[in-house]
Amino acid sequence: MLILKSWLATLALAADPVGAQVAYRLPTDGPLPRTWRVTLAITDAKNPDWIISQFAAGLERTVTAENGGRFSETWNGLDDNFMPVPAGSYG
């Protein structure tokens, strides 16, 4: 099992009913296509060990030459208890 840990740029969440787009990139080395299981979490900007919301878990994403390993998911701005988080900066 390969675990990729990537610190994304800080997300700024405003009062947007759609949520925040979270872009990420998976490795493109090795034979393609290659499928990964992806889990994404939103963290406190000052304490990245504190997970506020795990909003994508076990998603299958296939890296191809066409997508170059680039993907995007939408976080709905809710915490793990489905409560809205205040506007601010998150990791």
PDB file of N, CA and C in Angstrom:
ATOM      1  N   MET A   1       0.843  -1.171   0.000  1.00  0.00           N
ATOM      2  CA  MET A   1       0.000   0.000   0.000  1.00  0.00           C
ATOM      3  C   MET A   1       0.886   1.229   0.000  1.00  0.00           C
ATOM      4  N   LEU A   2       0.589   2.140  -0.872  1.00  0.00           N
ATOM      5  CA  LEU A   2       1.315   3.405  -0.953  1.00  0.00           C
ATOM      6  C   LEU A   2       0.436   4.486  -0.362  1.00  0.00           C
ATOM      7  N   ILE A   3       0.974   5.228   0.567  1.00  0.00           N
ATOM      8  CA  ILE A   3       0.230   6.342   1.156  1.00  0.00           C
ATOM      9  C   ILE A   3       0.898   7.622   0.717  1.00  0.00           C
ATOM     10  N   LEU A   4       0.153   8.450   0.042  1.00  0.00           N
ATOM     11  CA  LEU A   4       0.658   9.740  -0.405  1.00  0.00           C
ATOM     12  C   LEU A   4       0.122  10.801   0.531  1.00  0.00           C
ATOM     13  N   LYS A   5       0.997  11.605   1.058  1.00  0.00           N
ATOM     14  CA  LYS A   5       0.571  12.689   1.941  1.00  0.00           C
ATOM     15  C   LYS A   5       0.998  13.983   1.283  1.00  0.00           C
ATOM     16  N   SER A   6       0.055  14.772   0.952  1.00  0.00           N
ATOM     17  CA  SER A   6       0.347  16.015   0.254  1.00  0.00           C
ATOM     18  C   SER A   6      -0.322  17.159   0.987  1.00  0.00           C
ATOM     19  N   TRP A   7       0.445  18.174   1.334  1.00  0.00           N
ATOM     20  CA  TRP A   7      -0.139  19.357   1.972  1.00  0.00           C
ATOM     21  C   TRP A   7      -0.574  20.293   0.881  1.00  0.00           C
ATOM     22  N   LEU A   8      -1.860  20.445   0.763  1.00  0.00           N
ATOM     23  CA  LEU A   8      -2.424  21.324  -0.252  1.00  0.00           C
ATOM     24  C   LEU A   8      -2.284  22.768   0.194  1.00  0.00           C
ATOM     25  N   ALA A   9      -2.393  23.642  -0.765  1.00  0.00           N
ATOM     26  CA  ALA A   9      -2.418  25.058  -0.434  1.00  0.00           C
ATOM     27  C   ALA A   9      -3.621  25.312   0.469  1.00  0.00           C
ATOM     28  N   THR A  10      -3.507  26.297   1.286  1.00  0.00           N
ATOM     29  CA  THR A  10      -4.591  26.617   2.211  1.00  0.00           C
ATOM     30  C   THR A  10      -5.856  26.967   1.440  1.00  0.00           C
ATOM     31  N   LEU A  11      -6.962  26.390   1.866  1.00  0.00           N
ATOM     32  CA  LEU A  11      -8.255  26.680   1.255  1.00  0.00           C
ATOM     33  C   LEU A  11      -8.893  27.847   1.982  1.00  0.00           C
ATOM     34  N   ALA A  12      -9.456  28.737   1.244  1.00  0.00           N
ATOM     35  CA  ALA A  12     -10.219  29.823   1.852  1.00  0.00           C
ATOM     36  C   ALA A  12     -11.685  29.522   1.588  1.00  0.00           C
ATOM     37  N   LEU A  13     -12.439  29.287   2.643  1.00  0.00           N
ATOM     38  CA  LEU A  13     -13.850  28.958   2.502  1.00  0.00           C
ATOM     39  C   LEU A  13     -14.679  30.186   2.824  1.00  0.00           C
ATOM     40  N   ALA A  14     -15.459  30.579   1.869  1.00  0.00           N
ATOM     41  CA  ALA A  14     -16.386  31.695   2.073  1.00  0.00           C
ATOM     42  C   ALA A  14     -17.795  31.120   2.096  1.00  0.00           C
ATOM     43  N   ALA A  15     -18.758  31.969   2.233  1.00  0.00           N
ATOM     44  CA  ALA A  15     -20.148  31.518   2.246  1.00  0.00           C
ATOM     45  C   ALA A  15     -20.566  31.170   0.822  1.00  0.00           C
ATOM     46  N   ASP A  16     -20.091  30.061   0.326  1.00  0.00           N
ATOM     47  CA  ASP A  16     -20.365  29.607  -1.030  1.00  0.00           C
ATOM     48  C   ASP A  16     -21.206  28.342  -0.939  1.00  0.00           C
ATOM     49  N   PRO A  17     -22.430  28.356  -1.453  1.00  0.00           N
ATOM     50  CA  PRO A  17     -23.294  27.187  -1.319  1.00  0.00           C
ATOM     51  C   PRO A  17     -22.786  25.960  -2.071  1.00  0.00           C
ATOM     52  N   VAL A  18     -21.911  26.153  -3.035  1.00  0.00           N
ATOM     53  CA  VAL A  18     -21.397  25.035  -3.813  1.00  0.00           C
ATOM     54  C   VAL A  18     -20.275  24.328  -3.074  1.00  0.00           C
ATOM     55  N   GLY A  19     -19.450  25.046  -2.353  1.00  0.00           N
ATOM     56  CA  GLY A  19     -18.325  24.456  -1.633  1.00  0.00           C
ATOM     57  C   GLY A  19     -17.004  24.917  -2.203  1.00  0.00           C
ATOM     58  N   ALA A  20     -15.955  24.221  -1.801  1.00  0.00           N
ATOM     59  CA  ALA A  20     -14.599  24.584  -2.226  1.00  0.00           C
ATOM     60  C   ALA A  20     -14.020  23.487  -3.109  1.00  0.00           C
ATOM     61  N   GLN A  21     -13.430  23.885  -4.216  1.00  0.00           N
ATOM     62  CA  GLN A  21     -12.765  22.936  -5.102  1.00  0.00           C
ATOM     63  C   GLN A  21     -11.400  22.583  -4.517  1.00  0.00           C
ATOM     64  N   VAL A  22     -11.092  21.308  -4.453  1.00  0.00           N
ATOM     65  CA  VAL A  22      -9.805  20.833  -3.967  1.00  0.00           C
ATOM     66  C   VAL A  22      -9.138  20.090  -5.115  1.00  0.00           C
ATOM     67  N   ALA A  23      -8.069  20.680  -5.640  1.00  0.00           N
ATOM     68  CA  ALA A  23      -7.337  20.076  -6.750  1.00  0.00           C
ATOM     69  C   ALA A  23      -6.141  19.306  -6.200  1.00  0.00           C
ATOM     70  N   TYR A  24      -5.832  18.180  -6.827  1.00  0.00           N
ATOM     71  CA  TYR A  24      -4.686  17.380  -6.414  1.00  0.00           C
ATOM     72  C   TYR A  24      -4.135  16.641  -7.622  1.00  0.00           C
ATOM     73  N   ARG A  25      -2.938  16.121  -7.447  1.00  0.00           N
ATOM     74  CA  ARG A  25      -2.268  15.414  -8.537  1.00  0.00           C
ATOM     75  C   ARG A  25      -1.707  14.101  -8.023  1.00  0.00           C
ATOM     76  N   LEU A  26      -1.957  13.043  -8.759  1.00  0.00           N
ATOM     77  CA  LEU A  26      -1.446  11.719  -8.432  1.00  0.00           C
ATOM     78  C   LEU A  26      -0.213  11.424  -9.286  1.00  0.00           C
ATOM     79  N   PRO A  27       0.663  10.514  -8.836  1.00  0.00           N
ATOM     80  CA  PRO A  27       1.888  10.207  -9.584  1.00  0.00           C
ATOM     81  C   PRO A  27       1.607   9.696 -10.994  1.00  0.00           C
ATOM     82  N   THR A  28       2.449  10.122 -11.911  1.00  0.00           N
ATOM     83  CA  THR A  28       2.317   9.695 -13.304  1.00  0.00           C
ATOM     84  C   THR A  28       3.460   8.775 -13.731  1.00  0.00           C
ATOM     85  N   ASP A  29       4.367   8.457 -12.788  1.00  0.00           N
ATOM     86  CA  ASP A  29       5.465   7.564 -13.146  1.00  0.00           C
ATOM     87  C   ASP A  29       4.962   6.123 -13.206  1.00  0.00           C
ATOM     88  N   GLY A  30       5.637   5.302 -13.964  1.00  0.00           N
ATOM     89  CA  GLY A  30       5.231   3.907 -14.113  1.00  0.00           C
ATOM     90  C   GLY A  30       4.264   3.740 -15.262  1.00  0.00           C
ATOM     91  N   PRO A  31       3.809   2.519 -15.447  1.00  0.00           N
ATOM     92  CA  PRO A  31       2.908   2.253 -16.573  1.00  0.00           C
ATOM     93  C   PRO A  31       1.537   2.893 -16.359  1.00  0.00           C
ATOM     94  N   LEU A  32       0.988   3.416 -17.445  1.00  0.00           N
ATOM     95  CA  LEU A  32      -0.350   4.015 -17.415  1.00  0.00           C
ATOM     96  C   LEU A  32      -1.273   3.210 -18.317  1.00  0.00           C
ATOM     97  N   PRO A  33      -2.536   3.125 -18.047  1.00  0.00           N
ATOM     98  CA  PRO A  33      -3.244   3.755 -16.941  1.00  0.00           C
ATOM     99  C   PRO A  33      -2.955   3.047 -15.613  1.00  0.00           C
ATOM    100  N   ARG A  34      -3.129   3.801 -14.534  1.00  0.00           N
ATOM    101  CA  ARG A  34      -2.914   3.281 -13.187  1.00  0.00           C
ATOM    102  C   ARG A  34      -3.994   3.840 -12.282  1.00  0.00           C
ATOM    103  N   THR A  35      -4.622   2.964 -11.500  1.00  0.00           N
ATOM    104  CA  THR A  35      -5.735   3.368 -10.644  1.00  0.00           C
ATOM    105  C   THR A  35      -5.292   3.455  -9.187  1.00  0.00           C
ATOM    106  N   TRP A  36      -5.739   4.519  -8.534  1.00  0.00           N
ATOM    107  CA  TRP A  36      -5.438   4.784  -7.126  1.00  0.00           C
ATOM    108  C   TRP A  36      -6.741   4.899  -6.356  1.00  0.00           C
ATOM    109  N   ARG A  37      -6.705   4.588  -5.068  1.00  0.00           N
ATOM    110  CA  ARG A  37      -7.816   4.891  -4.154  1.00  0.00           C
ATOM    111  C   ARG A  37      -7.414   6.148  -3.388  1.00  0.00           C
ATOM    112  N   VAL A  38      -8.278   7.140  -3.408  1.00  0.00           N
ATOM    113  CA  VAL A  38      -7.966   8.462  -2.861  1.00  0.00           C
ATOM    114  C   VAL A  38      -8.867   8.782  -1.677  1.00  0.00           C
ATOM    115  N   THR A  39      -8.259   9.290  -0.615  1.00  0.00           N
ATOM    116  CA  THR A  39      -8.997   9.819   0.528  1.00  0.00           C
ATOM    117  C   THR A  39      -8.507  11.236   0.762  1.00  0.00           C
ATOM    118  N   LEU A  40      -9.436  12.172   0.856  1.00  0.00           N
ATOM    119  CA  LEU A  40      -9.099  13.576   1.061  1.00  0.00           C
ATOM    120  C   LEU A  40      -9.723  14.073   2.355  1.00  0.00           C
ATOM    121  N   ALA A  41      -8.989  14.926   3.045  1.00  0.00           N
ATOM    122  CA  ALA A  41      -9.480  15.481   4.301  1.00  0.00           C
ATOM    123  C   ALA A  41      -9.165  16.967   4.369  1.00  0.00           C
ATOM    124  N   ILE A  42     -10.033  17.690   5.046  1.00  0.00           N
ATOM    125  CA  ILE A  42      -9.814  19.103   5.324  1.00  0.00           C
ATOM    126  C   ILE A  42      -9.279  19.185   6.748  1.00  0.00           C
ATOM    127  N   THR A  43      -8.218  19.976   6.925  1.00  0.00           N
ATOM    128  CA  THR A  43      -7.590  20.095   8.242  1.00  0.00           C
ATOM    129  C   THR A  43      -7.599  21.536   8.715  1.00  0.00           C
ATOM    130  N   ASP A  44      -7.338  21.696   9.996  1.00  0.00           N
ATOM    131  CA  ASP A  44      -7.153  23.019  10.570  1.00  0.00           C
ATOM    132  C   ASP A  44      -5.877  23.604   9.964  1.00  0.00           C
ATOM    133  N   ALA A  45      -5.921  24.845   9.518  1.00  0.00           N
ATOM    134  CA  ALA A  45      -4.765  25.464   8.860  1.00  0.00           C
ATOM    135  C   ALA A  45      -3.547  25.539   9.774  1.00  0.00           C
ATOM    136  N   LYS A  46      -3.761  25.740  11.080  1.00  0.00           N
ATOM    137  CA  LYS A  46      -2.643  25.872  12.016  1.00  0.00           C
ATOM    138  C   LYS A  46      -2.210  24.541  12.613  1.00  0.00           C
ATOM    139  N   ASN A  47      -3.058  23.538  12.532  1.00  0.00           N
ATOM    140  CA  ASN A  47      -2.744  22.227  13.088  1.00  0.00           C
ATOM    141  C   ASN A  47      -3.187  21.158  12.083  1.00  0.00           C
ATOM    142  N   PRO A  48      -2.321  20.819  11.118  1.00  0.00           N
ATOM    143  CA  PRO A  48      -2.717  19.890  10.060  1.00  0.00           C
ATOM    144  C   PRO A  48      -3.020  18.473  10.542  1.00  0.00           C
ATOM    145  N   ASP A  49      -2.720  18.152  11.790  1.00  0.00           N
ATOM    146  CA  ASP A  49      -3.072  16.835  12.320  1.00  0.00           C
ATOM    147  C   ASP A  49      -4.537  16.765  12.767  1.00  0.00           C
ATOM    148  N   TRP A  50      -5.202  17.913  12.853  1.00  0.00           N
ATOM    149  CA  TRP A  50      -6.596  17.958  13.280  1.00  0.00           C
ATOM    150  C   TRP A  50      -7.496  17.918  12.044  1.00  0.00           C
ATOM    151  N   ILE A  51      -8.119  16.778  11.809  1.00  0.00           N
ATOM    152  CA  ILE A  51      -8.993  16.600  10.649  1.00  0.00           C
ATOM    153  C   ILE A  51     -10.383  17.123  10.985  1.00  0.00           C
ATOM    154  N   ILE A  52     -10.853  18.035  10.164  1.00  0.00           N
ATOM    155  CA  ILE A  52     -12.173  18.637  10.333  1.00  0.00           C
ATOM    156  C   ILE A  52     -13.217  17.852   9.547  1.00  0.00           C
ATOM    157  N   SER A  53     -12.840  17.448   8.346  1.00  0.00           N
ATOM    158  CA  SER A  53     -13.777  16.731   7.488  1.00  0.00           C
ATOM    159  C   SER A  53     -13.014  15.797   6.564  1.00  0.00           C
ATOM    160  N   GLN A  54     -13.390  14.553   6.570  1.00  0.00           N
ATOM    161  CA  GLN A  54     -12.875  13.601   5.583  1.00  0.00           C
ATOM    162  C   GLN A  54     -13.986  13.474   4.552  1.00  0.00           C
ATOM    163  N   PHE A  55     -13.862  14.221   3.472  1.00  0.00           N
ATOM    164  CA  PHE A  55     -14.988  14.351   2.556  1.00  0.00           C
ATOM    165  C   PHE A  55     -14.928  13.447   1.338  1.00  0.00           C
ATOM    166  N   ALA A  56     -13.829  12.770   1.145  1.00  0.00           N
ATOM    167  CA  ALA A  56     -13.719  11.806   0.050  1.00  0.00           C
ATOM    168  C   ALA A  56     -12.955  10.614   0.605  1.00  0.00           C
ATOM    169  N   ALA A  57     -13.530   9.439   0.498  1.00  0.00           N
ATOM    170  CA  ALA A  57     -12.884   8.262   1.069  1.00  0.00           C
ATOM    171  C   ALA A  57     -12.964   7.093   0.097  1.00  0.00           C
ATOM    172  N   GLY A  58     -11.805   6.603  -0.279  1.00  0.00           N
ATOM    173  CA  GLY A  58     -11.738   5.433  -1.137  1.00  0.00           C
ATOM    174  C   GLY A  58     -12.201   5.643  -2.560  1.00  0.00           C
ATOM    175  N   LEU A  59     -12.124   6.882  -3.048  1.00  0.00           N
ATOM    176  CA  LEU A  59     -12.517   7.146  -4.431  1.00  0.00           C
ATOM    177  C   LEU A  59     -11.510   6.517  -5.383  1.00  0.00           C
ATOM    178  N   GLU A  60     -11.974   5.864  -6.415  1.00  0.00           N
ATOM    179  CA  GLU A  60     -11.070   5.319  -7.421  1.00  0.00           C
ATOM    180  C   GLU A  60     -10.828   6.373  -8.485  1.00  0.00           C
ATOM    181  N   ARG A  61      -9.568   6.695  -8.708  1.00  0.00           N
ATOM    182  CA  ARG A  61      -9.177   7.658  -9.729  1.00  0.00           C
ATOM    183  C   ARG A  61      -8.096   7.015 -10.590  1.00  0.00           C
ATOM    184  N   THR A  62      -8.294   7.036 -11.895  1.00  0.00           N
ATOM    185  CA  THR A  62      -7.364   6.411 -12.814  1.00  0.00           C
ATOM    186  C   THR A  62      -6.531   7.475 -13.518  1.00  0.00           C
ATOM    187  N   VAL A  63      -5.225   7.361 -13.366  1.00  0.00           N
ATOM    188  CA  VAL A  63      -4.281   8.268 -14.014  1.00  0.00           C
ATOM    189  C   VAL A  63      -4.056   7.777 -15.434  1.00  0.00           C
ATOM    190  N   THR A  64      -4.221   8.671 -16.383  1.00  0.00           N
ATOM    191  CA  THR A  64      -3.979   8.373 -17.791  1.00  0.00           C
ATOM    192  C   THR A  64      -3.065   9.446 -18.363  1.00  0.00           C
ATOM    193  N   ALA A  65      -2.574   9.207 -19.561  1.00  0.00           N
ATOM    194  CA  ALA A  65      -1.751  10.222 -20.218  1.00  0.00           C
ATOM    195  C   ALA A  65      -2.583  11.474 -20.478  1.00  0.00           C
ATOM    196  N   GLU A  66      -3.874  11.313 -20.716  1.00  0.00           N
ATOM    197  CA  GLU A  66      -4.742  12.448 -21.021  1.00  0.00           C
ATOM    198  C   GLU A  66      -4.962  13.358 -19.811  1.00  0.00           C
ATOM    199  N   ASN A  67      -5.187  12.786 -18.620  1.00  0.00           N
ATOM    200  CA  ASN A  67      -5.466  13.645 -17.457  1.00  0.00           C
ATOM    201  C   ASN A  67      -4.206  14.013 -16.689  1.00  0.00           C
ATOM    202  N   GLY A  68      -3.077  13.387 -16.986  1.00  0.00           N
ATOM    203  CA  GLY A  68      -1.814  13.736 -16.345  1.00  0.00           C
ATOM    204  C   GLY A  68      -1.845  13.600 -14.829  1.00  0.00           C
ATOM    205  N   GLY A  69      -2.799  12.831 -14.312  1.00  0.00           N
ATOM    206  CA  GLY A  69      -2.897  12.630 -12.873  1.00  0.00           C
ATOM    207  C   GLY A  69      -3.563  13.768 -12.124  1.00  0.00           C
ATOM    208  N   ARG A  70      -4.166  14.703 -12.836  1.00  0.00           N
ATOM    209  CA  ARG A  70      -4.805  15.865 -12.192  1.00  0.00           C
ATOM    210  C   ARG A  70      -6.294  15.622 -12.006  1.00  0.00           C
ATOM    211  N   PHE A  71      -6.734  15.874 -10.767  1.00  0.00           N
ATOM    212  CA  PHE A  71      -8.132  15.662 -10.410  1.00  0.00           C
ATOM    213  C   PHE A  71      -8.602  16.791  -9.506  1.00  0.00           C
ATOM    214  N   SER A  72      -9.912  16.880  -9.342  1.00  0.00           N
ATOM    215  CA  SER A  72     -10.503  17.904  -8.490  1.00  0.00           C
ATOM    216  C   SER A  72     -11.762  17.327  -7.860  1.00  0.00           C
ATOM    217  N   GLU A  73     -11.952  17.614  -6.577  1.00  0.00           N
ATOM    218  CA  GLU A  73     -13.156  17.197  -5.853  1.00  0.00           C
ATOM    219  C   GLU A  73     -13.736  18.438  -5.178  1.00  0.00           C
ATOM    220  N   THR A  74     -14.992  18.385  -4.818  1.00  0.00           N
ATOM    221  CA  THR A  74     -15.649  19.504  -4.158  1.00  0.00           C
ATOM    222  C   THR A  74     -15.960  19.150  -2.714  1.00  0.00           C
ATOM    223  N   TRP A  75     -15.462  19.991  -1.797  1.00  0.00           N
ATOM    224  CA  TRP A  75     -15.802  19.864  -0.386  1.00  0.00           C
ATOM    225  C   TRP A  75     -16.994  20.760  -0.136  1.00  0.00           C
ATOM    226  N   ASN A  76     -18.010  20.224   0.508  1.00  0.00           N
ATOM    227  CA  ASN A  76     -19.264  20.960   0.698  1.00  0.00           C
ATOM    228  C   ASN A  76     -19.242  21.941   1.872  1.00  0.00           C
ATOM    229  N   GLY A  77     -18.124  22.063   2.555  1.00  0.00           N
ATOM    230  CA  GLY A  77     -18.019  23.023   3.652  1.00  0.00           C
ATOM    231  C   GLY A  77     -18.588  22.520   4.970  1.00  0.00           C
ATOM    232  N   LEU A  78     -18.836  21.209   5.055  1.00  0.00           N
ATOM    233  CA  LEU A  78     -19.371  20.624   6.278  1.00  0.00           C
ATOM    234  C   LEU A  78     -18.293  19.845   7.011  1.00  0.00           C
ATOM    235  N   ASP A  79     -18.432  19.764   8.342  1.00  0.00           N
ATOM    236  CA  ASP A  79     -17.499  18.937   9.111  1.00  0.00           C
ATOM    237  C   ASP A  79     -17.998  17.489   9.108  1.00  0.00           C
ATOM    238  N   ASP A  80     -17.323  16.612   9.851  1.00  0.00           N
ATOM    239  CA  ASP A  80     -17.705  15.201   9.862  1.00  0.00           C
ATOM    240  C   ASP A  80     -19.041  14.933  10.541  1.00  0.00           C
ATOM    241  N   ASN A  81     -19.593  15.938  11.222  1.00  0.00           N
ATOM    242  CA  ASN A  81     -20.921  15.824  11.824  1.00  0.00           C
ATOM    243  C   ASN A  81     -21.984  16.488  10.946  1.00  0.00           C
ATOM    244  N   PHE A  82     -21.601  16.818   9.700  1.00  0.00           N
ATOM    245  CA  PHE A  82     -22.496  17.447   8.727  1.00  0.00           C
ATOM    246  C   PHE A  82     -22.966  18.824   9.162  1.00  0.00           C
ATOM    247  N   MET A  83     -22.123  19.498   9.936  1.00  0.00           N
ATOM    248  CA  MET A  83     -22.411  20.862  10.369  1.00  0.00           C
ATOM    249  C   MET A  83     -21.535  21.817   9.570  1.00  0.00           C
ATOM    250  N   PRO A  84     -22.059  22.978   9.163  1.00  0.00           N
ATOM    251  CA  PRO A  84     -21.244  23.934   8.415  1.00  0.00           C
ATOM    252  C   PRO A  84     -20.101  24.471   9.260  1.00  0.00           C
ATOM    253  N   VAL A  85     -18.931  24.596   8.644  1.00  0.00           N
ATOM    254  CA  VAL A  85     -17.794  25.184   9.338  1.00  0.00           C
ATOM    255  C   VAL A  85     -17.788  26.682   9.061  1.00  0.00           C
ATOM    256  N   PRO A  86     -17.222  27.476   9.966  1.00  0.00           N
ATOM    257  CA  PRO A  86     -17.197  28.924   9.726  1.00  0.00           C
ATOM    258  C   PRO A  86     -16.278  29.269   8.569  1.00  0.00           C
ATOM    259  N   ALA A  87     -16.550  30.398   7.938  1.00  0.00           N
ATOM    260  CA  ALA A  87     -15.672  30.884   6.880  1.00  0.00           C
ATOM    261  C   ALA A  87     -14.279  31.075   7.450  1.00  0.00           C
ATOM    262  N   GLY A  88     -13.265  30.753   6.671  1.00  0.00           N
ATOM    263  CA  GLY A  88     -11.897  30.884   7.156  1.00  0.00           C
ATOM    264  C   GLY A  88     -10.937  30.110   6.289  1.00  0.00           C
ATOM    265  N   SER A  89      -9.740  29.921   6.800  1.00  0.00           N
ATOM    266  CA  SER A  89      -8.692  29.197   6.069  1.00  0.00           C
ATOM    267  C   SER A  89      -8.545  27.791   6.626  1.00  0.00           C
ATOM    268  N   TYR A  90      -8.432  26.836   5.731  1.00  0.00           N
ATOM    269  CA  TYR A  90      -8.292  25.429   6.093  1.00  0.00           C
ATOM    270  C   TYR A  90      -7.191  24.801   5.244  1.00  0.00           C
ATOM    271  N   GLY A  91      -6.650  23.711   5.728  1.00  0.00           N
ATOM    272  CA  GLY A  91      -5.591  22.993   4.991  1.00  0.00           C
ATOM    273  C   GLY A  91      -6.159  21.828   4.257  1.00  0.00           C
TER     274      GLY A  91
END
